[in-house]
Protein backbone atom coordinates (compact mmCIF):
# COMPACT_ATOMS: atom_id res chain seq x y z
CA UNK A 1 1.00 29.53 -3.47
CA UNK A 2 1.01 25.89 -4.28
CA UNK A 3 -0.66 24.30 -7.29
CA UNK A 4 -1.94 21.46 -5.06
CA UNK A 5 -5.69 21.06 -5.45
CA UNK A 6 -7.96 18.59 -3.63
CA UNK A 7 -11.20 17.12 -5.05
CA UNK A 8 -13.19 16.91 -1.85
CA UNK A 9 -15.47 14.28 -3.37
CA UNK A 10 -12.76 11.93 -4.63
CA UNK A 11 -10.23 12.27 -1.77
CA UNK A 12 -12.13 10.21 0.84
CA UNK A 13 -12.95 7.56 -1.83
CA UNK A 14 -9.28 7.07 -2.70
CA UNK A 15 -8.02 5.76 0.65
CA UNK A 16 -9.94 2.47 0.55
CA UNK A 17 -8.63 1.77 -2.89
CA UNK A 18 -5.05 1.80 -1.61
CA UNK A 19 -6.04 -0.25 1.44
CA UNK A 20 -7.76 -2.86 -0.82
CA UNK A 21 -4.76 -2.91 -3.20
CA UNK A 22 -2.46 -3.46 -0.23
CA UNK A 23 -4.65 -6.38 0.90
CA UNK A 24 -4.69 -7.84 -2.59
CA UNK A 25 -0.89 -7.52 -2.74
CA UNK A 26 -0.62 -9.26 0.63
CA UNK A 27 -2.84 -12.15 -0.60
CA UNK A 28 -0.66 -12.50 -3.75
CA UNK A 29 2.34 -12.51 -1.49
CA UNK A 30 0.91 -15.37 0.49
CA UNK A 31 0.36 -17.32 -2.69
CA UNK A 32 3.80 -16.54 -3.96
CA UNK A 33 5.41 -17.59 -0.69
CA UNK A 34 3.67 -20.96 -1.07
CA UNK A 35 4.89 -21.41 -4.56
CA UNK A 36 8.42 -20.35 -3.66
CA UNK A 37 8.43 -22.76 -0.71
CA UNK A 38 7.35 -25.58 -2.88
CA UNK A 39 10.09 -24.85 -5.40
CA UNK A 40 12.99 -24.95 -2.93
CA UNK A 41 13.33 -28.72 -3.31
CA UNK A 42 12.80 -28.73 -7.05
CA UNK A 43 16.48 -28.58 -7.80
CA UNK A 44 17.41 -32.01 -6.46
CA UNK A 45 20.34 -32.84 -4.25
CA UNK A 46 22.93 -33.30 -6.98
CA UNK A 47 25.71 -30.81 -7.64
CA UNK A 48 23.83 -28.92 -10.32
CA UNK A 49 20.74 -28.70 -8.09
CA UNK A 50 22.76 -27.35 -5.17
CA UNK A 51 24.45 -24.78 -7.47
CA UNK A 52 21.01 -23.62 -8.78
CA UNK A 53 19.48 -23.57 -5.23
CA UNK A 54 22.44 -21.48 -4.03
CA UNK A 55 21.34 -18.66 -6.34
CA UNK A 56 17.62 -19.34 -6.26
CA UNK A 57 16.98 -19.42 -2.55
CA UNK A 58 18.41 -16.02 -1.72
CA UNK A 59 16.67 -14.52 -4.72
CA UNK A 60 13.30 -15.98 -3.63
CA UNK A 61 13.85 -14.58 -0.16
CA UNK A 62 14.62 -11.14 -1.57
CA UNK A 63 11.47 -11.19 -3.70
CA UNK A 64 9.28 -12.11 -0.74
CA UNK A 65 10.80 -9.38 1.46
CA UNK A 66 10.40 -6.75 -1.27
CA UNK A 67 6.73 -7.67 -1.83
CA UNK A 68 6.12 -7.59 1.95
CA UNK A 69 7.52 -4.04 2.00
CA UNK A 70 5.41 -3.01 -1.08
CA UNK A 71 2.23 -4.39 0.56
CA UNK A 72 2.94 -2.51 3.77
CA UNK A 73 3.77 0.68 1.85
CA UNK A 74 0.58 0.58 -0.20
CA UNK A 75 -1.51 0.07 2.88
CA UNK A 76 0.36 3.01 4.48
CA UNK A 77 -0.50 5.27 1.52
CA UNK A 78 -4.15 4.34 2.07
CA UNK A 79 -3.88 5.32 5.74
CA UNK A 80 -2.12 8.59 4.91
CA UNK A 81 -4.71 9.44 2.25
CA UNK A 82 -7.51 8.81 4.79
CA UNK A 83 -5.83 11.11 7.39
CA UNK A 84 -5.48 13.76 4.67
CA UNK A 85 -9.20 13.39 3.72
CA UNK A 86 -10.24 13.67 7.39
CA UNK A 87 -8.01 16.70 7.94
CA UNK A 88 -9.27 18.32 4.78
CA UNK A 89 -12.88 17.76 5.78
CA UNK A 90 -12.21 19.12 9.28
CA UNK A 91 -10.59 22.30 7.86
CA UNK A 92 -13.49 22.78 5.40
CA UNK A 93 -15.96 22.48 8.27
CA UNK A 94 -13.97 25.01 10.36
CA UNK A 95 -13.80 27.37 7.39
CA UNK A 96 -17.53 27.09 6.77
CA UNK A 97 -18.34 27.72 10.46
CA UNK A 98 -15.94 30.75 10.51
CA UNK A 99 -17.48 32.19 7.41
CA UNK A 100 -20.99 31.92 8.89
CA UNK A 101 -19.87 33.34 12.31
CA UNK A 102 -18.27 36.31 10.60
CA UNK A 103 -21.42 37.09 8.51
CA UNK A 104 -20.21 35.64 5.26
CA UNK A 105 -22.64 32.70 5.33
CA UNK A 106 -26.33 32.41 5.18
C-alpha cells in the first residue's frame, strides 16, 4: 500500500492557493516585462552599449520566457489539485453510499 494520505478538509482549499499564486506570478511577470522593455535602450548606441545589449537582451528574453512557463505551471498545479479534490470527494461519496447500501451505514 501507498503512504499517500489525503486531508479531505485541506485538499479542496489548496487548489485556489495555487491558482492565486499563478495569477500573482503572472502579474509580477507583466511588471517585469515592462521594466525589461524600458531597459533595452538604457545601454546607449555606442560600442560598449551595443556589447552590453548583446548579452542583456537575450538574457532578459530568457527570464521572461521562464517566468511565463512558471506562471502557467503553478496555475496548472492548481487545476490538478482541484481535479484531485473533486475525484476524492466523488470516491468518498460513492464509498459512503456503498457502505450504507450494504448495511454498513446507519
